[in-house]
Structures are given as structure tokens and as C-alpha cells.
Amino acid sequence: MTRPYHHGDLRNTLLAAAVDAIAESGPTALSLRDLARRAGVSHAAPAHHFGDKAGLLTALATQGYDLLAEALDAARARTGSLLEIGVAYVAFAVGHRAHFDVMFRPDLYHADDAELTTAAGRASAALAAGVATLPPTQVTDGREAFLAGMSAWSIVHGFATLWLSGALPPDLGDDPEAAARAVIRRLFYAAE
């Protein structure tokens, strides 16, 4: 049972309620009326803060990109390893599934929102910083860096999506980070 909202940061309370609702039913089933009920506020409160459902999902995607950028930057600072940055990406997807489910669905939100594009740019830059840790022999020019970034993103995003959908074989185990590390290591460092 949720407690009625009384004071504090209603915007973040509504975003947290959206995360819970998306975890239960997915992003397309989300309704502002249900969020208001969950937060214990009037049905007009979410519209006041976000305008519409797309506005709320824009805010949630923005929050997700910010959290992803922080996770990737922290992994790079801690390890300096593209492998561990990739594992952090998968850990983010598993730990923030509602955000992840919305972030890569621009049909659900205002993709041209300035805060959203800034946050997405931060996440992209964090992944690019990881690619920059590769030896110069693997990334010889700007085009190679771009392709390495696309490859890294494709691998980790694909793995995360397959993990979340339950499509991977059970032989990989039940630890998404360990499984991701084994798969990513094989592909990231195959050329070495």
C-alpha cells in the first residue's frame, strides 16, 4: 500500500511511482491517473508537473540517461576498463529496468527535449570515454573510434536486452554481471 503524498518533492515522487508502474505493466500501460492514485495526489498533479504522459516519460528517460552516465563514468574511474564499463551498462539495465525500457523508445517521449538530449549526450560520452581506453592499435582514427563505440554499445545493449527478456540460455547462470563479463570479454578482446 502506498502512503498518501503530504510534502516534499512531488516531481520525484511521481517519477518513482512511474518506475513502479512500469515495472508492473510496462511503459505503454502507464497512465497519469494511476500515478496520481499511487502518489495519493489529485489526478491533475502529474499533468501540472509533466504536461502529459510523454512529458513524464521524457523526464524518466532523462533521469535514466543521467543515471547511466554516472554508472559508466564511475566504472571507468574505478577500473579504466572498457570491459567493466560494459558490465556497468548491463548492471544499469538490470537495476533500472523501467528507465531502460523507456530510454530507448523515443516514440514514447519528446525526443527533442533539451534536457533529454543533454543527458543522452552525457551517457554517449561516457561510453565513448570507455572506448578511448582501447589501445591505439585498435582505434587508429575517428572512424575507427566511431565504429568501436557502435560495436561496444551494440554488444552491451544487445546483451542487456536479451538478459531482460529471458532469451539467453540458462547455462550463462543467474548473475547478469558475471554472464555479461564472460560474453563481453570474449568479443571486446578477441582481437588481442
N, C-alpha and C. Protein backbone atom coordinates (compact mmCIF):
# COMPACT_ATOMS: atom_id res chain seq x y z
N MET A 1 0.84 -1.18 0.00
CA MET A 1 0.00 0.00 0.00
C MET A 1 0.88 1.24 0.00
N THR A 2 0.55 2.21 -0.83
CA THR A 2 1.33 3.43 -0.87
C THR A 2 0.78 4.44 0.11
N ARG A 3 1.66 5.24 0.64
CA ARG A 3 1.24 6.29 1.55
C ARG A 3 0.85 7.53 0.76
N PRO A 4 -0.17 8.24 1.21
CA PRO A 4 -0.53 9.48 0.52
C PRO A 4 0.61 10.48 0.58
N TYR A 5 0.75 11.22 -0.49
CA TYR A 5 1.77 12.24 -0.58
C TYR A 5 1.39 13.42 0.30
N HIS A 6 2.29 13.91 1.13
CA HIS A 6 2.00 15.05 2.00
C HIS A 6 2.91 16.24 1.78
N HIS A 7 4.17 16.01 1.53
CA HIS A 7 5.11 17.11 1.36
C HIS A 7 6.37 16.59 0.68
N GLY A 8 7.22 17.50 0.30
CA GLY A 8 8.48 17.10 -0.30
C GLY A 8 8.49 17.37 -1.79
N ASP A 9 9.15 16.51 -2.51
CA ASP A 9 9.38 16.70 -3.93
C ASP A 9 8.39 15.85 -4.73
N LEU A 10 7.24 16.43 -5.08
CA LEU A 10 6.20 15.68 -5.79
C LEU A 10 6.70 15.17 -7.13
N ARG A 11 7.51 15.94 -7.82
CA ARG A 11 8.02 15.51 -9.12
C ARG A 11 8.75 14.18 -9.00
N ASN A 12 9.66 14.07 -8.04
CA ASN A 12 10.40 12.81 -7.86
C ASN A 12 9.52 11.70 -7.32
N THR A 13 8.52 12.06 -6.52
CA THR A 13 7.57 11.06 -6.04
C THR A 13 6.81 10.46 -7.21
N LEU A 14 6.40 11.30 -8.15
CA LEU A 14 5.68 10.81 -9.34
C LEU A 14 6.60 9.98 -10.24
N LEU A 15 7.86 10.38 -10.36
CA LEU A 15 8.80 9.58 -11.16
C LEU A 15 9.02 8.21 -10.53
N ALA A 16 9.12 8.17 -9.21
CA ALA A 16 9.28 6.89 -8.52
C ALA A 16 8.03 6.02 -8.71
N ALA A 17 6.87 6.64 -8.66
CA ALA A 17 5.62 5.89 -8.89
C ALA A 17 5.58 5.37 -10.32
N ALA A 18 6.11 6.15 -11.27
CA ALA A 18 6.16 5.71 -12.66
C ALA A 18 7.07 4.50 -12.81
N VAL A 19 8.21 4.50 -12.11
CA VAL A 19 9.11 3.35 -12.15
C VAL A 19 8.37 2.10 -11.66
N ASP A 20 7.64 2.22 -10.55
CA ASP A 20 6.89 1.08 -10.02
C ASP A 20 5.83 0.61 -11.01
N ALA A 21 5.10 1.55 -11.60
CA ALA A 21 4.03 1.20 -12.54
C ALA A 21 4.60 0.53 -13.79
N ILE A 22 5.71 1.04 -14.29
CA ILE A 22 6.33 0.46 -15.49
C ILE A 22 6.85 -0.94 -15.18
N ALA A 23 7.39 -1.13 -13.98
CA ALA A 23 7.87 -2.46 -13.58
C ALA A 23 6.72 -3.47 -13.58
N GLU A 24 5.53 -3.01 -13.25
CA GLU A 24 4.37 -3.91 -13.20
C GLU A 24 3.76 -4.16 -14.57
N SER A 25 3.64 -3.12 -15.38
CA SER A 25 2.84 -3.24 -16.61
C SER A 25 3.51 -2.75 -17.88
N GLY A 26 4.71 -2.21 -17.80
CA GLY A 26 5.38 -1.69 -18.98
C GLY A 26 5.04 -0.23 -19.22
N PRO A 27 5.82 0.43 -20.06
CA PRO A 27 5.64 1.86 -20.25
C PRO A 27 4.39 2.26 -21.03
N THR A 28 3.93 1.40 -21.90
CA THR A 28 2.76 1.80 -22.70
C THR A 28 1.47 1.78 -21.88
N ALA A 29 1.42 0.99 -20.81
CA ALA A 29 0.22 0.92 -19.98
C ALA A 29 0.17 2.04 -18.93
N LEU A 30 1.22 2.80 -18.82
CA LEU A 30 1.30 3.86 -17.81
C LEU A 30 0.20 4.90 -18.02
N SER A 31 -0.41 5.33 -16.92
CA SER A 31 -1.41 6.41 -17.01
C SER A 31 -1.14 7.43 -15.90
N LEU A 32 -1.35 8.69 -16.23
CA LEU A 32 -1.15 9.76 -15.24
C LEU A 32 -2.14 9.61 -14.10
N ARG A 33 -3.35 9.17 -14.38
CA ARG A 33 -4.36 8.97 -13.33
C ARG A 33 -3.89 7.92 -12.33
N ASP A 34 -3.32 6.81 -12.82
CA ASP A 34 -2.80 5.77 -11.94
C ASP A 34 -1.64 6.31 -11.10
N LEU A 35 -0.76 7.11 -11.72
CA LEU A 35 0.35 7.69 -10.96
C LEU A 35 -0.16 8.58 -9.83
N ALA A 36 -1.18 9.38 -10.12
CA ALA A 36 -1.76 10.24 -9.10
C ALA A 36 -2.30 9.39 -7.95
N ARG A 37 -2.99 8.31 -8.29
CA ARG A 37 -3.53 7.41 -7.25
C ARG A 37 -2.39 6.82 -6.42
N ARG A 38 -1.35 6.35 -7.08
CA ARG A 38 -0.21 5.76 -6.37
C ARG A 38 0.46 6.76 -5.42
N ALA A 39 0.55 8.01 -5.87
CA ALA A 39 1.22 9.04 -5.06
C ALA A 39 0.27 9.68 -4.05
N GLY A 40 -1.03 9.39 -4.15
CA GLY A 40 -2.00 9.95 -3.21
C GLY A 40 -2.26 11.43 -3.44
N VAL A 41 -2.25 11.84 -4.72
CA VAL A 41 -2.48 13.25 -5.05
C VAL A 41 -3.64 13.34 -6.04
N SER A 42 -4.07 14.55 -6.31
CA SER A 42 -5.17 14.75 -7.27
C SER A 42 -4.74 14.29 -8.65
N HIS A 43 -5.72 13.91 -9.47
CA HIS A 43 -5.38 13.42 -10.80
C HIS A 43 -4.77 14.51 -11.69
N ALA A 44 -4.91 15.76 -11.28
CA ALA A 44 -4.33 16.85 -12.07
C ALA A 44 -2.85 17.09 -11.74
N ALA A 45 -2.37 16.57 -10.62
CA ALA A 45 -0.99 16.84 -10.19
C ALA A 45 0.07 16.38 -11.20
N PRO A 46 -0.02 15.15 -11.73
CA PRO A 46 1.01 14.75 -12.71
C PRO A 46 1.01 15.64 -13.95
N ALA A 47 -0.17 16.02 -14.42
CA ALA A 47 -0.24 16.90 -15.61
C ALA A 47 0.36 18.26 -15.30
N HIS A 48 0.19 18.72 -14.08
CA HIS A 48 0.78 20.00 -13.70
C HIS A 48 2.31 19.97 -13.80
N HIS A 49 2.90 18.86 -13.39
CA HIS A 49 4.36 18.74 -13.39
C HIS A 49 4.95 18.35 -14.74
N PHE A 50 4.23 17.52 -15.52
CA PHE A 50 4.80 16.95 -16.74
C PHE A 50 4.04 17.27 -18.01
N GLY A 51 2.87 17.84 -17.89
CA GLY A 51 2.06 18.17 -19.05
C GLY A 51 1.23 17.00 -19.53
N ASP A 52 1.89 15.93 -19.92
CA ASP A 52 1.20 14.75 -20.42
C ASP A 52 2.07 13.52 -20.17
N LYS A 53 1.57 12.38 -20.60
CA LYS A 53 2.31 11.13 -20.40
C LYS A 53 3.68 11.18 -21.07
N ALA A 54 3.73 11.74 -22.28
CA ALA A 54 5.02 11.85 -22.98
C ALA A 54 5.98 12.73 -22.20
N GLY A 55 5.47 13.78 -21.57
CA GLY A 55 6.32 14.65 -20.75
C GLY A 55 6.88 13.91 -19.54
N LEU A 56 6.05 13.08 -18.92
CA LEU A 56 6.52 12.29 -17.78
C LEU A 56 7.57 11.28 -18.23
N LEU A 57 7.33 10.61 -19.35
CA LEU A 57 8.30 9.64 -19.85
C LEU A 57 9.58 10.31 -20.33
N THR A 58 9.48 11.55 -20.79
CA THR A 58 10.68 12.32 -21.15
C THR A 58 11.53 12.55 -19.91
N ALA A 59 10.88 12.94 -18.81
CA ALA A 59 11.59 13.15 -17.55
C ALA A 59 12.21 11.86 -17.05
N LEU A 60 11.50 10.75 -17.19
CA LEU A 60 12.02 9.46 -16.74
C LEU A 60 13.21 9.03 -17.60
N ALA A 61 13.11 9.21 -18.91
CA ALA A 61 14.24 8.88 -19.80
C ALA A 61 15.45 9.75 -19.49
N THR A 62 15.20 11.03 -19.23
CA THR A 62 16.30 11.94 -18.87
C THR A 62 16.99 11.47 -17.60
N GLN A 63 16.18 11.14 -16.60
CA GLN A 63 16.74 10.63 -15.35
C GLN A 63 17.54 9.35 -15.61
N GLY A 64 17.03 8.49 -16.47
CA GLY A 64 17.73 7.25 -16.79
C GLY A 64 19.07 7.49 -17.47
N TYR A 65 19.10 8.39 -18.44
CA TYR A 65 20.37 8.70 -19.11
C TYR A 65 21.38 9.29 -18.13
N ASP A 66 20.91 10.13 -17.21
CA ASP A 66 21.81 10.68 -16.19
C ASP A 66 22.38 9.58 -15.31
N LEU A 67 21.51 8.67 -14.88
CA LEU A 67 21.96 7.55 -14.04
C LEU A 67 22.93 6.65 -14.80
N LEU A 68 22.65 6.40 -16.07
CA LEU A 68 23.54 5.58 -16.88
C LEU A 68 24.91 6.24 -17.03
N ALA A 69 24.91 7.53 -17.32
CA ALA A 69 26.18 8.25 -17.46
C ALA A 69 26.99 8.16 -16.17
N GLU A 70 26.32 8.33 -15.03
CA GLU A 70 27.02 8.24 -13.74
C GLU A 70 27.61 6.84 -13.53
N ALA A 71 26.83 5.80 -13.88
CA ALA A 71 27.31 4.43 -13.70
C ALA A 71 28.51 4.14 -14.59
N LEU A 72 28.46 4.58 -15.84
CA LEU A 72 29.57 4.33 -16.76
C LEU A 72 30.81 5.11 -16.36
N ASP A 73 30.62 6.38 -15.97
CA ASP A 73 31.75 7.20 -15.52
C ASP A 73 32.40 6.60 -14.27
N ALA A 74 31.57 6.11 -13.35
CA ALA A 74 32.09 5.51 -12.11
C ALA A 74 32.89 4.25 -12.43
N ALA A 75 32.39 3.43 -13.34
CA ALA A 75 33.12 2.21 -13.73
C ALA A 75 34.45 2.55 -14.38
N ARG A 76 34.44 3.57 -15.24
CA ARG A 76 35.70 3.98 -15.89
C ARG A 76 36.69 4.51 -14.86
N ALA A 77 36.21 5.35 -13.94
CA ALA A 77 37.10 5.91 -12.91
C ALA A 77 37.65 4.82 -12.00
N ARG A 78 36.82 3.82 -11.71
CA ARG A 78 37.22 2.75 -10.79
C ARG A 78 38.16 1.75 -11.46
N THR A 79 37.94 1.46 -12.75
CA THR A 79 38.67 0.36 -13.37
C THR A 79 39.49 0.75 -14.60
N GLY A 80 39.08 1.80 -15.31
CA GLY A 80 39.74 2.16 -16.55
C GLY A 80 39.57 1.11 -17.63
N SER A 81 38.58 0.26 -17.50
CA SER A 81 38.41 -0.88 -18.39
C SER A 81 37.12 -0.78 -19.19
N LEU A 82 37.22 -0.88 -20.51
CA LEU A 82 36.03 -0.91 -21.35
C LEU A 82 35.16 -2.11 -21.00
N LEU A 83 35.76 -3.22 -20.68
CA LEU A 83 35.01 -4.40 -20.27
C LEU A 83 34.12 -4.07 -19.07
N GLU A 84 34.68 -3.45 -18.05
CA GLU A 84 33.91 -3.15 -16.84
C GLU A 84 32.88 -2.04 -17.08
N ILE A 85 33.15 -1.17 -18.03
CA ILE A 85 32.15 -0.16 -18.40
C ILE A 85 30.97 -0.88 -19.05
N GLY A 86 31.26 -1.87 -19.88
CA GLY A 86 30.19 -2.67 -20.48
C GLY A 86 29.38 -3.42 -19.44
N VAL A 87 30.05 -3.98 -18.46
CA VAL A 87 29.36 -4.69 -17.38
C VAL A 87 28.49 -3.70 -16.59
N ALA A 88 28.99 -2.48 -16.39
CA ALA A 88 28.20 -1.45 -15.70
C ALA A 88 26.94 -1.10 -16.49
N TYR A 89 27.04 -1.09 -17.80
CA TYR A 89 25.88 -0.84 -18.66
C TYR A 89 24.81 -1.90 -18.43
N VAL A 90 25.23 -3.16 -18.42
CA VAL A 90 24.29 -4.26 -18.19
C VAL A 90 23.72 -4.17 -16.79
N ALA A 91 24.55 -3.90 -15.80
CA ALA A 91 24.07 -3.76 -14.42
C ALA A 91 23.04 -2.63 -14.31
N PHE A 92 23.29 -1.53 -15.02
CA PHE A 92 22.32 -0.44 -15.03
C PHE A 92 20.99 -0.92 -15.59
N ALA A 93 21.02 -1.60 -16.73
CA ALA A 93 19.79 -2.07 -17.38
C ALA A 93 19.00 -2.98 -16.46
N VAL A 94 19.69 -3.87 -15.77
CA VAL A 94 19.02 -4.81 -14.86
C VAL A 94 18.51 -4.08 -13.62
N GLY A 95 19.30 -3.17 -13.09
CA GLY A 95 18.92 -2.47 -11.86
C GLY A 95 17.94 -1.33 -12.05
N HIS A 96 17.84 -0.83 -13.26
CA HIS A 96 16.93 0.30 -13.58
C HIS A 96 16.10 -0.06 -14.80
N ARG A 97 15.44 -1.17 -14.72
CA ARG A 97 14.73 -1.69 -15.89
C ARG A 97 13.67 -0.73 -16.42
N ALA A 98 12.92 -0.09 -15.55
CA ALA A 98 11.88 0.83 -16.02
C ALA A 98 12.49 1.96 -16.83
N HIS A 99 13.59 2.51 -16.32
CA HIS A 99 14.28 3.56 -17.07
C HIS A 99 14.74 3.02 -18.43
N PHE A 100 15.40 1.87 -18.40
CA PHE A 100 15.94 1.25 -19.60
C PHE A 100 14.83 0.98 -20.62
N ASP A 101 13.67 0.53 -20.14
CA ASP A 101 12.55 0.25 -21.03
C ASP A 101 12.03 1.50 -21.73
N VAL A 102 12.22 2.65 -21.12
CA VAL A 102 11.74 3.91 -21.69
C VAL A 102 12.82 4.60 -22.52
N MET A 103 14.05 4.58 -22.07
CA MET A 103 15.13 5.36 -22.69
C MET A 103 15.29 5.12 -24.18
N PHE A 104 15.10 3.91 -24.60
CA PHE A 104 15.35 3.57 -25.99
C PHE A 104 14.05 3.39 -26.78
N ARG A 105 13.03 4.11 -26.33
CA ARG A 105 11.73 4.13 -27.01
C ARG A 105 11.34 5.58 -27.29
N PRO A 106 12.03 6.25 -28.22
CA PRO A 106 11.74 7.66 -28.48
C PRO A 106 10.32 7.91 -28.98
N ASP A 107 9.62 6.87 -29.37
CA ASP A 107 8.22 7.02 -29.75
C ASP A 107 7.33 7.32 -28.54
N LEU A 108 7.86 7.13 -27.33
CA LEU A 108 7.08 7.34 -26.11
C LEU A 108 7.27 8.72 -25.49
N TYR A 109 8.31 9.44 -25.88
CA TYR A 109 8.63 10.70 -25.22
C TYR A 109 8.98 11.79 -26.22
N HIS A 110 9.28 12.96 -25.70
CA HIS A 110 9.66 14.11 -26.53
C HIS A 110 11.17 14.03 -26.80
N ALA A 111 11.54 13.38 -27.89
CA ALA A 111 12.95 13.12 -28.18
C ALA A 111 13.76 14.38 -28.42
N ASP A 112 13.11 15.50 -28.71
CA ASP A 112 13.84 16.75 -28.96
C ASP A 112 13.97 17.62 -27.71
N ASP A 113 13.58 17.09 -26.56
CA ASP A 113 13.69 17.83 -25.30
C ASP A 113 15.16 18.13 -25.00
N ALA A 114 15.47 19.37 -24.67
CA ALA A 114 16.86 19.79 -24.46
C ALA A 114 17.54 19.05 -23.31
N GLU A 115 16.84 18.89 -22.18
CA GLU A 115 17.43 18.18 -21.04
C GLU A 115 17.68 16.72 -21.39
N LEU A 116 16.77 16.13 -22.12
CA LEU A 116 16.92 14.74 -22.53
C LEU A 116 18.13 14.58 -23.45
N THR A 117 18.26 15.44 -24.45
CA THR A 117 19.38 15.29 -25.38
C THR A 117 20.71 15.53 -24.68
N THR A 118 20.73 16.43 -23.70
CA THR A 118 21.95 16.65 -22.91
C THR A 118 22.31 15.41 -22.11
N ALA A 119 21.32 14.82 -21.44
CA ALA A 119 21.56 13.63 -20.64
C ALA A 119 21.99 12.46 -21.52
N ALA A 120 21.33 12.28 -22.67
CA ALA A 120 21.70 11.20 -23.58
C ALA A 120 23.13 11.43 -24.11
N GLY A 121 23.47 12.68 -24.35
CA GLY A 121 24.83 13.00 -24.78
C GLY A 121 25.87 12.66 -23.72
N ARG A 122 25.53 12.90 -22.46
CA ARG A 122 26.45 12.53 -21.36
C ARG A 122 26.67 11.02 -21.33
N ALA A 123 25.59 10.25 -21.50
CA ALA A 123 25.73 8.78 -21.48
C ALA A 123 26.56 8.32 -22.67
N SER A 124 26.33 8.90 -23.82
CA SER A 124 27.09 8.56 -25.02
C SER A 124 28.57 8.91 -24.83
N ALA A 125 28.83 10.07 -24.25
CA ALA A 125 30.22 10.49 -24.00
C ALA A 125 30.90 9.56 -23.00
N ALA A 126 30.15 9.07 -22.02
CA ALA A 126 30.73 8.15 -21.04
C ALA A 126 31.13 6.84 -21.70
N LEU A 127 30.30 6.35 -22.62
CA LEU A 127 30.67 5.14 -23.35
C LEU A 127 31.86 5.41 -24.27
N ALA A 128 31.86 6.57 -24.92
CA ALA A 128 32.98 6.93 -25.79
C ALA A 128 34.28 7.04 -25.00
N ALA A 129 34.20 7.53 -23.77
CA ALA A 129 35.39 7.61 -22.92
C ALA A 129 35.93 6.22 -22.62
N GLY A 130 35.03 5.26 -22.53
CA GLY A 130 35.45 3.87 -22.34
C GLY A 130 36.16 3.34 -23.57
N VAL A 131 35.62 3.65 -24.73
CA VAL A 131 36.25 3.23 -25.99
C VAL A 131 37.64 3.84 -26.10
N ALA A 132 37.80 5.05 -25.59
CA ALA A 132 39.11 5.72 -25.64
C ALA A 132 40.17 5.00 -24.82
N THR A 133 39.77 4.05 -23.98
CA THR A 133 40.74 3.29 -23.19
C THR A 133 41.37 2.16 -24.02
N LEU A 134 40.81 1.91 -25.21
CA LEU A 134 41.38 0.86 -26.07
C LEU A 134 42.78 1.27 -26.54
N PRO A 135 43.63 0.31 -26.80
CA PRO A 135 44.97 0.63 -27.30
C PRO A 135 44.88 1.34 -28.65
N PRO A 136 45.79 2.26 -28.92
CA PRO A 136 45.78 3.00 -30.19
C PRO A 136 45.82 2.09 -31.42
N THR A 137 46.37 0.90 -31.29
CA THR A 137 46.41 -0.02 -32.43
C THR A 137 45.02 -0.50 -32.82
N GLN A 138 44.06 -0.45 -31.87
CA GLN A 138 42.69 -0.88 -32.17
C GLN A 138 41.82 0.26 -32.68
N VAL A 139 42.17 1.48 -32.32
CA VAL A 139 41.39 2.66 -32.72
C VAL A 139 42.36 3.64 -33.36
N THR A 140 42.48 3.56 -34.66
CA THR A 140 43.52 4.34 -35.35
C THR A 140 43.06 5.72 -35.81
N ASP A 141 41.76 5.94 -35.94
CA ASP A 141 41.28 7.25 -36.38
C ASP A 141 39.84 7.47 -35.89
N GLY A 142 39.27 8.60 -36.27
CA GLY A 142 37.93 8.95 -35.82
C GLY A 142 36.87 7.96 -36.27
N ARG A 143 36.99 7.47 -37.49
CA ARG A 143 36.01 6.49 -37.99
C ARG A 143 36.11 5.20 -37.21
N GLU A 144 37.33 4.76 -36.91
CA GLU A 144 37.53 3.55 -36.12
C GLU A 144 36.96 3.72 -34.70
N ALA A 145 37.15 4.90 -34.12
CA ALA A 145 36.60 5.17 -32.79
C ALA A 145 35.08 5.11 -32.82
N PHE A 146 34.49 5.69 -33.86
CA PHE A 146 33.03 5.65 -34.00
C PHE A 146 32.54 4.21 -34.10
N LEU A 147 33.19 3.42 -34.97
CA LEU A 147 32.78 2.03 -35.14
C LEU A 147 33.02 1.20 -33.87
N ALA A 148 34.10 1.48 -33.17
CA ALA A 148 34.35 0.78 -31.91
C ALA A 148 33.26 1.12 -30.89
N GLY A 149 32.87 2.38 -30.84
CA GLY A 149 31.78 2.79 -29.94
C GLY A 149 30.47 2.12 -30.29
N MET A 150 30.16 2.08 -31.58
CA MET A 150 28.92 1.42 -32.03
C MET A 150 28.96 -0.07 -31.71
N SER A 151 30.13 -0.68 -31.89
CA SER A 151 30.28 -2.11 -31.58
C SER A 151 30.08 -2.36 -30.09
N ALA A 152 30.74 -1.56 -29.27
CA ALA A 152 30.63 -1.72 -27.82
C ALA A 152 29.19 -1.55 -27.37
N TRP A 153 28.55 -0.50 -27.85
CA TRP A 153 27.15 -0.24 -27.46
C TRP A 153 26.25 -1.38 -27.92
N SER A 154 26.43 -1.83 -29.15
CA SER A 154 25.60 -2.92 -29.68
C SER A 154 25.74 -4.18 -28.84
N ILE A 155 26.96 -4.49 -28.47
CA ILE A 155 27.20 -5.70 -27.68
C ILE A 155 26.54 -5.59 -26.31
N VAL A 156 26.79 -4.52 -25.59
CA VAL A 156 26.27 -4.44 -24.22
C VAL A 156 24.76 -4.21 -24.21
N HIS A 157 24.26 -3.41 -25.15
CA HIS A 157 22.82 -3.16 -25.19
C HIS A 157 22.09 -4.44 -25.61
N GLY A 158 22.63 -5.12 -26.59
CA GLY A 158 22.03 -6.38 -27.02
C GLY A 158 22.03 -7.41 -25.91
N PHE A 159 23.14 -7.53 -25.20
CA PHE A 159 23.20 -8.49 -24.10
C PHE A 159 22.18 -8.11 -23.03
N ALA A 160 22.12 -6.83 -22.66
CA ALA A 160 21.17 -6.39 -21.64
C ALA A 160 19.74 -6.68 -22.06
N THR A 161 19.41 -6.40 -23.30
CA THR A 161 18.05 -6.63 -23.79
C THR A 161 17.71 -8.12 -23.79
N LEU A 162 18.64 -8.94 -24.23
CA LEU A 162 18.41 -10.38 -24.21
C LEU A 162 18.27 -10.90 -22.79
N TRP A 163 19.09 -10.39 -21.88
CA TRP A 163 19.00 -10.81 -20.47
C TRP A 163 17.63 -10.45 -19.90
N LEU A 164 17.22 -9.21 -20.10
CA LEU A 164 15.95 -8.75 -19.54
C LEU A 164 14.75 -9.48 -20.11
N SER A 165 14.84 -9.91 -21.36
CA SER A 165 13.71 -10.62 -21.97
C SER A 165 13.71 -12.11 -21.64
N GLY A 166 14.76 -12.59 -20.97
CA GLY A 166 14.84 -14.00 -20.61
C GLY A 166 15.19 -14.90 -21.79
N ALA A 167 15.77 -14.30 -22.83
CA ALA A 167 16.06 -15.05 -24.05
C ALA A 167 17.41 -15.77 -24.04
N LEU A 168 18.25 -15.50 -23.06
CA LEU A 168 19.57 -16.14 -23.03
C LEU A 168 19.47 -17.53 -22.41
N PRO A 169 20.35 -18.43 -22.80
CA PRO A 169 20.30 -19.79 -22.26
C PRO A 169 20.64 -19.81 -20.76
N PRO A 170 20.03 -20.72 -20.03
CA PRO A 170 20.28 -20.79 -18.58
C PRO A 170 21.72 -21.16 -18.25
N ASP A 171 22.46 -21.71 -19.20
CA ASP A 171 23.86 -22.08 -18.97
C ASP A 171 24.72 -20.89 -18.56
N LEU A 172 24.27 -19.66 -18.88
CA LEU A 172 25.04 -18.47 -18.50
C LEU A 172 24.96 -18.18 -17.01
N GLY A 173 24.06 -18.82 -16.30
CA GLY A 173 23.91 -18.61 -14.86
C GLY A 173 22.89 -17.53 -14.56
N ASP A 174 22.80 -17.18 -13.28
CA ASP A 174 21.78 -16.22 -12.86
C ASP A 174 22.36 -14.87 -12.42
N ASP A 175 23.64 -14.67 -12.65
CA ASP A 175 24.28 -13.40 -12.30
C ASP A 175 24.52 -12.62 -13.60
N PRO A 176 23.73 -11.56 -13.83
CA PRO A 176 23.87 -10.86 -15.10
C PRO A 176 25.23 -10.22 -15.31
N GLU A 177 25.86 -9.76 -14.23
CA GLU A 177 27.17 -9.13 -14.38
C GLU A 177 28.24 -10.15 -14.74
N ALA A 178 28.23 -11.30 -14.09
CA ALA A 178 29.22 -12.34 -14.40
C ALA A 178 29.00 -12.86 -15.81
N ALA A 179 27.76 -13.07 -16.20
CA ALA A 179 27.47 -13.56 -17.54
C ALA A 179 27.89 -12.52 -18.58
N ALA A 180 27.56 -11.27 -18.33
CA ALA A 180 27.95 -10.20 -19.26
C ALA A 180 29.46 -10.11 -19.37
N ARG A 181 30.13 -10.21 -18.24
CA ARG A 181 31.60 -10.12 -18.26
C ARG A 181 32.20 -11.22 -19.14
N ALA A 182 31.69 -12.43 -19.03
CA ALA A 182 32.21 -13.54 -19.83
C ALA A 182 31.96 -13.31 -21.32
N VAL A 183 30.77 -12.87 -21.67
CA VAL A 183 30.43 -12.65 -23.08
C VAL A 183 31.18 -11.44 -23.64
N ILE A 184 31.15 -10.36 -22.91
CA ILE A 184 31.79 -9.12 -23.38
C ILE A 184 33.30 -9.32 -23.54
N ARG A 185 33.91 -9.98 -22.56
CA ARG A 185 35.37 -10.23 -22.64
C ARG A 185 35.70 -10.95 -23.94
N ARG A 186 34.91 -11.93 -24.27
CA ARG A 186 35.16 -12.73 -25.47
C ARG A 186 35.13 -11.87 -26.72
N LEU A 187 34.20 -10.93 -26.80
CA LEU A 187 34.06 -10.11 -28.00
C LEU A 187 34.94 -8.87 -27.99
N PHE A 188 35.02 -8.20 -26.84
CA PHE A 188 35.83 -6.99 -26.78
C PHE A 188 37.31 -7.26 -27.01
N TYR A 189 37.76 -8.40 -26.54
CA TYR A 189 39.21 -8.64 -26.55
C TYR A 189 39.59 -9.78 -27.48
N ALA A 190 38.72 -10.13 -28.40
CA ALA A 190 39.01 -11.22 -29.34
C ALA A 190 40.20 -10.91 -30.24
N ALA A 191 40.41 -9.62 -30.51
CA ALA A 191 41.50 -9.22 -31.41
C ALA A 191 42.86 -9.22 -30.74
N GLU A 192 42.89 -9.31 -29.45
CA GLU A 192 44.18 -9.23 -28.75
C GLU A 192 44.98 -10.51 -28.85
